[in-house]
N, C-alpha and C. Protein backbone atom coordinates (compact mmCIF):
# COMPACT_ATOMS: atom_id res chain seq x y z
N MET A 1 -16.71 -9.32 -47.81
CA MET A 1 -18.09 -9.64 -48.12
C MET A 1 -18.98 -9.46 -46.90
N ARG A 2 -18.47 -9.84 -45.74
CA ARG A 2 -19.29 -9.67 -44.53
C ARG A 2 -19.59 -8.20 -44.27
N ARG A 3 -18.57 -7.36 -44.47
CA ARG A 3 -18.76 -5.92 -44.27
C ARG A 3 -19.81 -5.38 -45.24
N ILE A 4 -19.71 -5.77 -46.49
CA ILE A 4 -20.67 -5.30 -47.49
C ILE A 4 -22.08 -5.75 -47.12
N ALA A 5 -22.23 -7.01 -46.71
CA ALA A 5 -23.55 -7.50 -46.32
C ALA A 5 -24.08 -6.75 -45.11
N ARG A 6 -23.23 -6.53 -44.11
CA ARG A 6 -23.66 -5.79 -42.90
C ARG A 6 -24.13 -4.38 -43.26
N GLU A 7 -23.42 -3.74 -44.18
CA GLU A 7 -23.76 -2.36 -44.54
C GLU A 7 -25.01 -2.28 -45.40
N ASN A 8 -25.25 -3.27 -46.24
CA ASN A 8 -26.34 -3.17 -47.20
C ASN A 8 -27.62 -3.90 -46.80
N LEU A 9 -27.52 -4.91 -45.98
CA LEU A 9 -28.70 -5.69 -45.62
C LEU A 9 -29.79 -4.86 -44.94
N PRO A 10 -29.45 -3.99 -43.97
CA PRO A 10 -30.52 -3.19 -43.34
C PRO A 10 -31.27 -2.33 -44.36
N ARG A 11 -30.56 -1.74 -45.31
CA ARG A 11 -31.22 -0.92 -46.33
C ARG A 11 -32.13 -1.78 -47.20
N LEU A 12 -31.64 -2.94 -47.58
CA LEU A 12 -32.43 -3.84 -48.41
C LEU A 12 -33.70 -4.27 -47.69
N LEU A 13 -33.57 -4.68 -46.45
CA LEU A 13 -34.71 -5.19 -45.70
C LEU A 13 -35.72 -4.10 -45.35
N SER A 14 -35.29 -2.86 -45.34
CA SER A 14 -36.22 -1.77 -45.02
C SER A 14 -36.96 -1.25 -46.26
N SER A 15 -36.66 -1.80 -47.42
CA SER A 15 -37.30 -1.35 -48.65
C SER A 15 -38.80 -1.65 -48.63
N PRO A 16 -39.63 -0.65 -48.93
CA PRO A 16 -41.08 -0.87 -48.95
C PRO A 16 -41.48 -1.91 -50.00
N ASP A 17 -40.69 -2.06 -51.05
CA ASP A 17 -41.02 -3.02 -52.10
C ASP A 17 -41.02 -4.45 -51.58
N LEU A 18 -40.25 -4.73 -50.54
CA LEU A 18 -40.20 -6.08 -49.99
C LEU A 18 -41.42 -6.42 -49.16
N ARG A 19 -42.20 -5.44 -48.81
CA ARG A 19 -43.38 -5.67 -47.97
C ARG A 19 -44.60 -6.05 -48.79
N GLU A 20 -44.56 -5.79 -50.08
CA GLU A 20 -45.71 -6.06 -50.94
C GLU A 20 -45.48 -7.32 -51.75
N GLU A 21 -46.50 -8.15 -51.81
CA GLU A 21 -46.44 -9.34 -52.66
C GLU A 21 -46.66 -8.90 -54.10
N PRO A 22 -45.86 -9.40 -55.04
CA PRO A 22 -46.08 -9.03 -56.44
C PRO A 22 -47.37 -9.65 -56.96
N TYR A 23 -47.95 -8.99 -57.95
CA TYR A 23 -49.12 -9.55 -58.59
C TYR A 23 -48.87 -9.59 -60.09
N PRO A 24 -49.03 -10.70 -60.74
CA PRO A 24 -49.35 -12.00 -60.15
C PRO A 24 -48.17 -12.52 -59.34
N PRO A 25 -48.43 -13.46 -58.46
CA PRO A 25 -47.34 -14.01 -57.65
C PRO A 25 -46.20 -14.53 -58.53
N THR A 26 -45.00 -14.29 -58.10
CA THR A 26 -43.83 -14.65 -58.88
C THR A 26 -43.83 -16.11 -59.30
N MET A 27 -44.17 -17.00 -58.40
CA MET A 27 -44.15 -18.42 -58.72
C MET A 27 -45.07 -18.75 -59.89
N GLU A 28 -46.17 -18.03 -60.01
CA GLU A 28 -47.10 -18.26 -61.11
C GLU A 28 -46.58 -17.70 -62.42
N SER A 29 -45.67 -16.76 -62.35
CA SER A 29 -45.16 -16.10 -63.56
C SER A 29 -43.95 -16.80 -64.16
N LEU A 30 -43.28 -17.64 -63.39
CA LEU A 30 -42.02 -18.23 -63.86
C LEU A 30 -42.19 -19.02 -65.15
N SER A 31 -43.27 -19.71 -65.31
CA SER A 31 -43.45 -20.54 -66.51
C SER A 31 -43.57 -19.72 -67.78
N ARG A 32 -43.81 -18.43 -67.64
CA ARG A 32 -43.92 -17.56 -68.82
C ARG A 32 -42.58 -17.01 -69.27
N ILE A 33 -41.54 -17.23 -68.49
CA ILE A 33 -40.20 -16.75 -68.87
C ILE A 33 -39.60 -17.79 -69.81
N VAL A 34 -39.49 -17.43 -71.07
CA VAL A 34 -39.05 -18.40 -72.07
C VAL A 34 -37.59 -18.21 -72.50
N ALA A 35 -36.93 -17.23 -71.96
CA ALA A 35 -35.52 -17.01 -72.29
C ALA A 35 -34.68 -18.14 -71.72
N PRO A 36 -33.68 -18.61 -72.47
CA PRO A 36 -32.76 -19.59 -71.91
C PRO A 36 -32.12 -19.02 -70.65
N THR A 37 -32.10 -19.81 -69.60
CA THR A 37 -31.64 -19.32 -68.31
C THR A 37 -30.64 -20.29 -67.71
N LEU A 38 -29.47 -19.78 -67.36
CA LEU A 38 -28.45 -20.58 -66.69
C LEU A 38 -28.54 -20.29 -65.20
N ILE A 39 -28.74 -21.34 -64.43
CA ILE A 39 -28.85 -21.20 -62.98
C ILE A 39 -27.65 -21.90 -62.36
N ILE A 40 -26.86 -21.16 -61.63
CA ILE A 40 -25.62 -21.68 -61.04
C ILE A 40 -25.74 -21.65 -59.53
N VAL A 41 -25.31 -22.73 -58.89
CA VAL A 41 -25.34 -22.80 -57.43
C VAL A 41 -24.14 -23.62 -56.96
N GLY A 42 -23.65 -23.28 -55.80
CA GLY A 42 -22.58 -24.06 -55.19
C GLY A 42 -23.17 -25.21 -54.40
N GLY A 43 -22.53 -26.35 -54.46
CA GLY A 43 -23.00 -27.52 -53.74
C GLY A 43 -23.01 -27.34 -52.23
N ARG A 44 -22.18 -26.41 -51.74
CA ARG A 44 -22.15 -26.13 -50.30
C ARG A 44 -22.88 -24.84 -49.95
N ASP A 45 -23.62 -24.29 -50.90
CA ASP A 45 -24.39 -23.07 -50.63
C ASP A 45 -25.43 -23.38 -49.56
N ASP A 46 -25.98 -22.36 -48.99
CA ASP A 46 -27.03 -22.49 -47.98
C ASP A 46 -28.18 -23.34 -48.53
N TRP A 47 -28.77 -24.16 -47.65
CA TRP A 47 -29.86 -25.04 -48.05
C TRP A 47 -30.99 -24.26 -48.73
N ASN A 48 -31.33 -23.10 -48.20
CA ASN A 48 -32.42 -22.30 -48.78
C ASN A 48 -32.10 -21.89 -50.21
N ASN A 49 -30.87 -21.49 -50.45
CA ASN A 49 -30.49 -21.09 -51.81
C ASN A 49 -30.53 -22.28 -52.77
N ARG A 50 -30.08 -23.43 -52.32
CA ARG A 50 -30.13 -24.62 -53.17
C ARG A 50 -31.58 -25.00 -53.48
N GLU A 51 -32.46 -24.83 -52.50
CA GLU A 51 -33.89 -25.13 -52.72
C GLU A 51 -34.50 -24.14 -53.72
N ILE A 52 -34.16 -22.88 -53.60
CA ILE A 52 -34.65 -21.87 -54.54
C ILE A 52 -34.19 -22.20 -55.95
N VAL A 53 -32.93 -22.59 -56.09
CA VAL A 53 -32.39 -22.95 -57.40
C VAL A 53 -33.16 -24.14 -57.98
N SER A 54 -33.46 -25.13 -57.16
CA SER A 54 -34.20 -26.29 -57.64
C SER A 54 -35.60 -25.89 -58.11
N ILE A 55 -36.24 -25.01 -57.38
CA ILE A 55 -37.57 -24.53 -57.78
C ILE A 55 -37.49 -23.78 -59.10
N LEU A 56 -36.52 -22.87 -59.21
CA LEU A 56 -36.37 -22.12 -60.46
C LEU A 56 -36.11 -23.07 -61.63
N ALA A 57 -35.23 -24.04 -61.43
CA ALA A 57 -34.90 -24.97 -62.51
C ALA A 57 -36.11 -25.78 -62.94
N SER A 58 -37.01 -26.07 -62.01
CA SER A 58 -38.20 -26.86 -62.37
C SER A 58 -39.30 -26.00 -62.97
N LYS A 59 -39.33 -24.72 -62.68
CA LYS A 59 -40.42 -23.85 -63.15
C LYS A 59 -40.10 -23.08 -64.43
N LEU A 60 -38.83 -22.77 -64.65
CA LEU A 60 -38.45 -22.03 -65.85
C LEU A 60 -38.32 -23.02 -67.01
N PRO A 61 -39.08 -22.84 -68.07
CA PRO A 61 -39.14 -23.83 -69.14
C PRO A 61 -37.79 -24.12 -69.82
N ARG A 62 -36.91 -23.15 -69.90
CA ARG A 62 -35.65 -23.33 -70.62
C ARG A 62 -34.45 -23.16 -69.71
N ALA A 63 -34.59 -23.60 -68.49
CA ALA A 63 -33.51 -23.45 -67.51
C ALA A 63 -32.51 -24.59 -67.60
N GLU A 64 -31.25 -24.23 -67.39
CA GLU A 64 -30.18 -25.20 -67.21
C GLU A 64 -29.58 -24.95 -65.84
N LYS A 65 -29.47 -25.99 -65.06
CA LYS A 65 -28.93 -25.87 -63.70
C LYS A 65 -27.53 -26.47 -63.67
N LYS A 66 -26.59 -25.73 -63.10
CA LYS A 66 -25.22 -26.21 -62.94
C LYS A 66 -24.85 -26.09 -61.46
N VAL A 67 -24.49 -27.22 -60.86
CA VAL A 67 -24.07 -27.24 -59.47
C VAL A 67 -22.55 -27.37 -59.44
N PHE A 68 -21.90 -26.47 -58.73
CA PHE A 68 -20.46 -26.52 -58.55
C PHE A 68 -20.16 -27.19 -57.22
N ALA A 69 -19.77 -28.45 -57.28
CA ALA A 69 -19.47 -29.21 -56.07
C ALA A 69 -18.32 -28.54 -55.31
N GLY A 70 -18.44 -28.53 -54.01
CA GLY A 70 -17.38 -27.98 -53.16
C GLY A 70 -17.38 -26.47 -53.04
N CYS A 71 -18.31 -25.80 -53.69
CA CYS A 71 -18.37 -24.34 -53.63
C CYS A 71 -19.52 -23.89 -52.74
N GLY A 72 -19.36 -22.69 -52.19
CA GLY A 72 -20.42 -22.07 -51.43
C GLY A 72 -21.24 -21.17 -52.34
N HIS A 73 -21.62 -20.02 -51.83
CA HIS A 73 -22.51 -19.11 -52.54
C HIS A 73 -21.81 -18.33 -53.66
N LEU A 74 -20.53 -18.07 -53.51
CA LEU A 74 -19.83 -17.20 -54.46
C LEU A 74 -18.99 -18.01 -55.44
N VAL A 75 -19.66 -18.79 -56.25
CA VAL A 75 -18.99 -19.68 -57.20
C VAL A 75 -18.04 -18.89 -58.10
N ASN A 76 -18.47 -17.72 -58.54
CA ASN A 76 -17.64 -16.92 -59.45
C ASN A 76 -16.34 -16.47 -58.80
N LEU A 77 -16.30 -16.38 -57.48
CA LEU A 77 -15.06 -16.01 -56.79
C LEU A 77 -14.26 -17.24 -56.36
N GLU A 78 -14.95 -18.31 -56.05
CA GLU A 78 -14.28 -19.52 -55.59
C GLU A 78 -13.63 -20.29 -56.73
N ARG A 79 -14.31 -20.34 -57.87
CA ARG A 79 -13.78 -21.08 -59.03
C ARG A 79 -14.01 -20.26 -60.29
N PRO A 80 -13.33 -19.11 -60.40
CA PRO A 80 -13.62 -18.19 -61.50
C PRO A 80 -13.41 -18.79 -62.89
N GLU A 81 -12.37 -19.60 -63.07
CA GLU A 81 -12.13 -20.16 -64.40
C GLU A 81 -13.25 -21.12 -64.80
N ASP A 82 -13.66 -21.97 -63.87
CA ASP A 82 -14.75 -22.91 -64.16
C ASP A 82 -16.06 -22.16 -64.39
N PHE A 83 -16.30 -21.15 -63.57
CA PHE A 83 -17.51 -20.33 -63.71
C PHE A 83 -17.54 -19.70 -65.10
N TYR A 84 -16.44 -19.06 -65.48
CA TYR A 84 -16.37 -18.41 -66.79
C TYR A 84 -16.60 -19.43 -67.90
N SER A 85 -15.99 -20.60 -67.79
CA SER A 85 -16.12 -21.63 -68.81
C SER A 85 -17.58 -22.07 -69.00
N VAL A 86 -18.28 -22.28 -67.89
CA VAL A 86 -19.68 -22.70 -67.95
C VAL A 86 -20.55 -21.59 -68.57
N VAL A 87 -20.33 -20.36 -68.14
CA VAL A 87 -21.12 -19.24 -68.69
C VAL A 87 -20.81 -19.04 -70.17
N ALA A 88 -19.52 -19.08 -70.54
CA ALA A 88 -19.15 -18.90 -71.94
C ALA A 88 -19.73 -20.01 -72.81
N ASP A 89 -19.72 -21.24 -72.32
CA ASP A 89 -20.29 -22.36 -73.06
C ASP A 89 -21.80 -22.17 -73.24
N PHE A 90 -22.48 -21.77 -72.17
CA PHE A 90 -23.92 -21.53 -72.23
C PHE A 90 -24.24 -20.45 -73.27
N LEU A 91 -23.51 -19.36 -73.23
CA LEU A 91 -23.75 -18.27 -74.19
C LEU A 91 -23.35 -18.68 -75.60
N GLY A 92 -22.24 -19.41 -75.73
CA GLY A 92 -21.77 -19.84 -77.05
C GLY A 92 -22.78 -20.72 -77.75
N LYS A 93 -23.46 -21.58 -77.01
CA LYS A 93 -24.48 -22.46 -77.60
C LYS A 93 -25.66 -21.65 -78.14
N ARG A 94 -25.78 -20.42 -77.69
CA ARG A 94 -26.89 -19.58 -78.13
C ARG A 94 -26.46 -18.50 -79.10
N GLY A 95 -25.24 -18.62 -79.62
CA GLY A 95 -24.79 -17.70 -80.65
C GLY A 95 -24.11 -16.45 -80.18
N TYR A 96 -23.83 -16.35 -78.88
CA TYR A 96 -23.13 -15.19 -78.37
C TYR A 96 -21.64 -15.45 -78.48
N PRO A 97 -20.92 -14.54 -79.12
CA PRO A 97 -19.50 -14.78 -79.32
C PRO A 97 -18.71 -14.69 -78.00
N GLY A 98 -17.67 -15.47 -77.92
CA GLY A 98 -16.77 -15.41 -76.77
C GLY A 98 -15.72 -14.35 -76.99
N GLU A 99 -14.66 -14.42 -76.21
CA GLU A 99 -13.56 -13.46 -76.37
C GLU A 99 -12.88 -13.68 -77.70
N SER A 100 -12.39 -12.60 -78.26
CA SER A 100 -11.66 -12.69 -79.52
C SER A 100 -10.20 -12.92 -79.25
């Protein structure tokens, strides 16, 4: 993961799209997103990421926030079975079929 981040971060940060503020500002647009949204974060994730998740959970009208205690940023790799279970449950409640 470190290698992938080292290789891709410079390209990402040099993108001209990151230099322009979106219009309307993203924070103002979040309340218009009405799709059910599952927001997953690790309890040991970086403070900034946890703060972003809290903001998203408070601004998105149909957001569900799930914190995985003891996990960092890569919940899906650290606890794949639990991650899959939470995602499958979220989708199942909305009529999306699980595995056959």
